């Protein structure tokens, strides 16, 4: 099971830098970034308390803004983790949405206080209606972690499919996230026509490859490779 799909060839920061401008390469890079993180943003907005239709509409509007070329122009890989940048971009977008809504309500006795003149750090704390930024970040990080795990899982599924063993992956996949309640290793062995010993070895190898795949995915979002172990610990904590 060698090789990786094309989506893993470039780091997320590389894609962000490619996404600047109006070229065809920029359009393709933007589309890939949007496809990769659409579900994370959607689920995050739903967990914020928005109904599904509103969350979906906001998600589409956010990525429509990104696709116009306005979303990643100020991104700088030297500033660290891409997940932090994406959350900041989403906060700015939600802030703009909120300010637009308040402008419409000006005539209805709602007081509007302009944020113009505030520095960027102050704005980051004022851009959303959430009174607890740390809780907001925790929810976003959980969705980010779930997306990274999902992409790692998808990578393994592709590898097993290319090697002609899709049934083995679907049978053993439950052991990646914990012991399955409805299937024993003996049952899996019978289903795959393998010995129990062979199934134990296959599960061990699958878990190891899964960890490698997730680490590979996380590494794509970092400018500094030395942050990888810390980021993996962060991912585990976000899922706890």
Protein backbone atom coordinates (compact mmCIF):
# COMPACT_ATOMS: atom_id res chain seq x y z
CA UNK A 1 0.00 0.00 0.00
CA UNK A 2 2.40 2.68 -1.23
CA UNK A 3 1.71 6.18 -2.44
CA UNK A 4 -0.78 8.83 -1.47
CA UNK A 5 -3.61 10.54 -3.34
CA UNK A 6 -2.87 13.82 -5.04
CA UNK A 7 -4.65 15.83 -2.33
CA UNK A 8 -1.84 14.99 0.08
CA UNK A 9 1.00 16.05 -2.22
CA UNK A 10 0.99 19.69 -1.11
CA UNK A 11 0.68 21.19 2.33
CA UNK A 12 -2.45 23.16 3.16
CA UNK A 13 -0.29 26.27 3.41
CA UNK A 14 1.09 25.54 -0.05
CA UNK A 15 -2.47 25.35 -1.32
CA UNK A 16 -3.32 28.63 0.39
CA UNK A 17 -0.39 30.37 -1.30
CA UNK A 18 -1.37 28.83 -4.63
CA UNK A 19 -4.95 30.00 -4.08
CA UNK A 20 -4.00 33.66 -4.30
CA UNK A 21 -4.72 35.45 -7.50
CA UNK A 22 -6.99 34.73 -10.44
CA UNK A 23 -5.15 31.95 -12.27
CA UNK A 24 -6.57 28.52 -13.02
CA UNK A 25 -4.09 27.05 -10.53
CA UNK A 26 -5.44 29.42 -7.87
CA UNK A 27 -9.03 28.44 -8.64
CA UNK A 28 -8.23 24.73 -8.35
CA UNK A 29 -6.36 25.25 -5.07
CA UNK A 30 -9.25 27.27 -3.62
CA UNK A 31 -11.75 24.62 -4.64
CA UNK A 32 -9.68 21.92 -2.95
CA UNK A 33 -9.39 23.91 0.27
CA UNK A 34 -13.12 24.57 0.33
CA UNK A 35 -13.96 20.93 -0.30
CA UNK A 36 -11.56 19.82 2.43
CA UNK A 37 -12.93 22.06 5.17
CA UNK A 38 -16.58 22.54 4.20
CA UNK A 39 -17.88 19.89 6.60
CA UNK A 40 -15.78 21.21 9.50
CA UNK A 41 -17.20 24.70 9.16
CA UNK A 42 -20.76 23.45 8.65
CA UNK A 43 -20.72 21.19 11.71
CA UNK A 44 -19.08 23.89 13.78
CA UNK A 45 -21.83 26.37 12.93
CA UNK A 46 -24.48 23.78 13.77
CA UNK A 47 -22.88 23.13 17.15
CA UNK A 48 -22.93 26.88 17.70
CA UNK A 49 -26.72 26.51 17.87
CA UNK A 50 -27.74 27.42 14.32
CA UNK A 51 -30.40 25.36 12.59
CA UNK A 52 -29.17 23.23 9.70
CA UNK A 53 -30.49 25.46 6.90
CA UNK A 54 -28.97 28.60 8.43
CA UNK A 55 -25.66 26.84 9.10
CA UNK A 56 -25.52 25.53 5.55
CA UNK A 57 -26.32 28.97 4.12
CA UNK A 58 -23.60 30.60 6.24
CA UNK A 59 -21.08 27.92 5.29
CA UNK A 60 -21.79 28.39 1.60
CA UNK A 61 -21.54 32.17 1.98
CA UNK A 62 -18.21 31.84 3.83
CA UNK A 63 -16.67 29.69 1.14
CA UNK A 64 -18.20 31.83 -1.59
CA UNK A 65 -16.25 34.71 -0.05
CA UNK A 66 -13.14 32.53 -0.08
CA UNK A 67 -13.72 31.56 -3.71
CA UNK A 68 -13.86 35.21 -4.76
CA UNK A 69 -10.21 35.41 -3.72
CA UNK A 70 -10.95 37.51 -0.64
CA UNK A 71 -10.60 34.71 1.85
CA UNK A 72 -6.92 33.77 1.99
CA UNK A 73 -5.15 36.82 0.61
CA UNK A 74 -3.75 37.78 4.03
CA UNK A 75 -2.78 34.24 5.06
CA UNK A 76 0.81 33.86 6.19
CA UNK A 77 2.32 30.42 6.91
CA UNK A 78 4.90 32.06 9.14
CA UNK A 79 2.10 32.73 11.63
CA UNK A 80 1.67 29.04 12.43
CA UNK A 81 -1.17 26.57 12.28
CA UNK A 82 -3.65 26.63 9.42
CA UNK A 83 -6.54 25.62 11.70
CA UNK A 84 -5.94 28.81 13.72
CA UNK A 85 -5.94 30.89 10.56
CA UNK A 86 -9.14 29.27 9.27
CA UNK A 87 -10.94 29.92 12.56
CA UNK A 88 -9.78 33.53 12.45
CA UNK A 89 -11.07 33.90 8.90
CA UNK A 90 -14.40 32.41 9.95
CA UNK A 91 -14.60 34.81 12.92
CA UNK A 92 -14.03 37.75 10.60
CA UNK A 93 -16.74 36.49 8.27
CA UNK A 94 -19.24 36.00 11.11
CA UNK A 95 -18.36 39.45 12.41
CA UNK A 96 -19.17 40.97 9.03
CA UNK A 97 -22.45 39.05 8.94
CA UNK A 98 -23.35 40.22 12.42
CA UNK A 99 -22.51 43.85 11.66
CA UNK A 100 -24.64 43.68 8.52
CA UNK A 101 -27.57 42.36 10.53
CA UNK A 102 -27.15 45.15 13.09
CA UNK A 103 -27.12 47.79 10.36
CA UNK A 104 -30.50 46.53 9.17
CA UNK A 105 -31.81 46.86 12.73
CA UNK A 106 -30.55 50.39 13.32
CA UNK A 107 -33.98 51.84 12.72
CA UNK A 108 -35.56 49.44 15.22
CA UNK A 109 -33.95 50.89 18.33
CA UNK A 110 -30.91 48.62 18.30
CA UNK A 111 -27.71 50.39 19.27
CA UNK A 112 -24.81 49.76 16.89
CA UNK A 113 -21.25 50.32 18.03
CA UNK A 114 -18.70 50.45 15.25
CA UNK A 115 -15.63 48.26 15.54
CA UNK A 116 -13.68 50.50 13.17
CA UNK A 117 -10.44 51.62 14.71
CA UNK A 118 -10.10 48.57 16.95
CA UNK A 119 -6.94 46.59 16.39
CA UNK A 120 -7.10 43.07 14.96
CA UNK A 121 -6.59 41.32 18.30
CA UNK A 122 -9.45 43.26 19.88
CA UNK A 123 -11.67 42.50 16.91
CA UNK A 124 -10.98 38.78 17.20
CA UNK A 125 -12.70 38.77 20.57
CA UNK A 126 -15.65 40.87 19.37
CA UNK A 127 -16.43 39.30 16.04
CA UNK A 128 -18.96 36.70 17.13
CA UNK A 129 -21.90 36.63 19.50
CA UNK A 130 -20.32 33.83 21.52
CA UNK A 131 -19.41 35.13 25.00
CA UNK A 132 -16.82 32.38 25.47
CA UNK A 133 -14.12 32.38 22.76
CA UNK A 134 -12.39 29.42 24.38
CA UNK A 135 -15.54 27.32 24.03
CA UNK A 136 -15.89 28.43 20.44
CA UNK A 137 -12.30 27.42 19.70
CA UNK A 138 -12.81 24.07 21.45
CA UNK A 139 -15.84 23.31 19.27
CA UNK A 140 -13.99 24.34 16.13
CA UNK A 141 -10.95 22.27 17.09
CA UNK A 142 -13.16 19.21 17.62
CA UNK A 143 -14.62 19.58 14.14
CA UNK A 144 -11.11 20.09 12.78
CA UNK A 145 -9.92 16.92 14.53
CA UNK A 146 -12.87 14.90 13.24
CA UNK A 147 -12.13 16.11 9.72
CA UNK A 148 -8.45 15.12 10.03
CA UNK A 149 -9.43 11.66 11.30
CA UNK A 150 -11.96 11.33 8.49
CA UNK A 151 -9.39 12.20 5.85
CA UNK A 152 -6.96 9.71 7.39
CA UNK A 153 -9.68 7.08 7.21
CA UNK A 154 -10.41 7.96 3.58
CA UNK A 155 -6.72 7.64 2.72
CA UNK A 156 -6.60 4.12 4.17
CA UNK A 157 -9.77 3.14 2.35
CA UNK A 158 -8.21 4.26 -0.94
CA UNK A 159 -5.04 2.32 -0.20
CA UNK A 160 -6.93 -0.90 0.53
CA UNK A 161 -9.06 -0.42 -2.58
CA UNK A 162 -5.96 0.00 -4.75
CA UNK A 163 -4.45 -3.14 -3.27
CA UNK A 164 -7.62 -5.14 -3.97
CA UNK A 165 -8.64 -5.53 -0.30
CA UNK A 166 -11.69 -3.31 0.19
CA UNK A 167 -13.50 -6.03 2.17
CA UNK A 168 -10.63 -6.30 4.63
CA UNK A 169 -10.74 -2.58 5.31
CA UNK A 170 -14.52 -2.46 5.81
CA UNK A 171 -14.34 -5.47 8.16
CA UNK A 172 -11.43 -4.19 10.25
CA UNK A 173 -12.30 -0.47 10.23
CA UNK A 174 -14.30 -0.64 13.50
CA UNK A 175 -11.06 -1.44 15.38
CA UNK A 176 -9.56 1.90 14.35
CA UNK A 177 -11.76 3.89 16.70
CA UNK A 178 -12.18 1.29 19.45
CA UNK A 179 -13.26 -2.27 19.93
CA UNK A 180 -16.48 -3.00 17.99
CA UNK A 181 -19.37 -4.18 20.12
CA UNK A 182 -20.96 -6.49 17.58
CA UNK A 183 -17.96 -8.19 15.99
CA UNK A 184 -15.22 -10.29 17.54
CA UNK A 185 -11.82 -10.88 16.00
CA UNK A 186 -12.86 -14.51 15.54
CA UNK A 187 -15.91 -13.35 13.57
CA UNK A 188 -13.73 -11.07 11.48
CA UNK A 189 -11.32 -13.92 10.81
CA UNK A 190 -14.13 -16.17 9.59
CA UNK A 191 -15.53 -13.39 7.42
CA UNK A 192 -12.15 -12.73 5.81
CA UNK A 193 -11.15 -16.42 5.75
CA UNK A 194 -8.04 -15.71 7.81
CA UNK A 195 -6.68 -17.10 11.04
CA UNK A 196 -7.30 -15.12 14.23
CA UNK A 197 -3.57 -14.55 14.47
CA UNK A 198 -3.52 -13.04 10.98
CA UNK A 199 -6.44 -10.76 11.89
CA UNK A 200 -4.66 -9.55 15.05
CA UNK A 201 -1.59 -8.69 12.97
CA UNK A 202 -3.76 -6.97 10.33
CA UNK A 203 -5.50 -4.86 12.99
CA UNK A 204 -2.17 -3.88 14.53
CA UNK A 205 -0.81 -2.82 11.13
CA UNK A 206 -4.03 -0.99 10.27
CA UNK A 207 -3.92 1.03 13.48
CA UNK A 208 -0.28 1.92 12.89
CA UNK A 209 -0.99 3.02 9.31
CA UNK A 210 -4.01 4.99 10.52
CA UNK A 211 -1.87 6.93 12.98
CA UNK A 212 0.62 7.63 10.19
CA UNK A 213 -2.16 8.82 7.88
CA UNK A 214 -3.57 11.21 10.47
CA UNK A 215 -0.09 12.53 11.28
CA UNK A 216 0.46 13.07 7.56
CA UNK A 217 -2.80 14.99 7.31
CA UNK A 218 -1.98 17.15 10.33
CA UNK A 219 1.52 17.83 9.05
CA UNK A 220 -0.01 19.40 5.94
CA UNK A 221 -1.43 22.20 8.08
CA UNK A 222 1.83 23.17 9.80
CA UNK A 223 4.59 25.45 8.62
CA UNK A 224 6.94 24.24 11.38
CA UNK A 225 7.32 20.40 11.45
CA UNK A 226 8.47 20.57 15.08
CA UNK A 227 4.87 21.39 16.04
CA UNK A 228 3.57 18.02 14.83
CA UNK A 229 3.68 16.12 18.14
CA UNK A 230 2.02 19.00 19.98
CA UNK A 231 -0.64 19.21 17.30
CA UNK A 232 -1.32 15.47 17.56
CA UNK A 233 -1.76 15.79 21.32
CA UNK A 234 -4.11 18.70 20.66
CA UNK A 235 -6.12 16.54 18.25
CA UNK A 236 -6.44 13.72 20.80
CA UNK A 237 -7.54 16.16 23.50
CA UNK A 238 -10.06 17.75 21.15
CA UNK A 239 -11.67 14.35 20.57
CA UNK A 240 -11.65 13.33 24.25
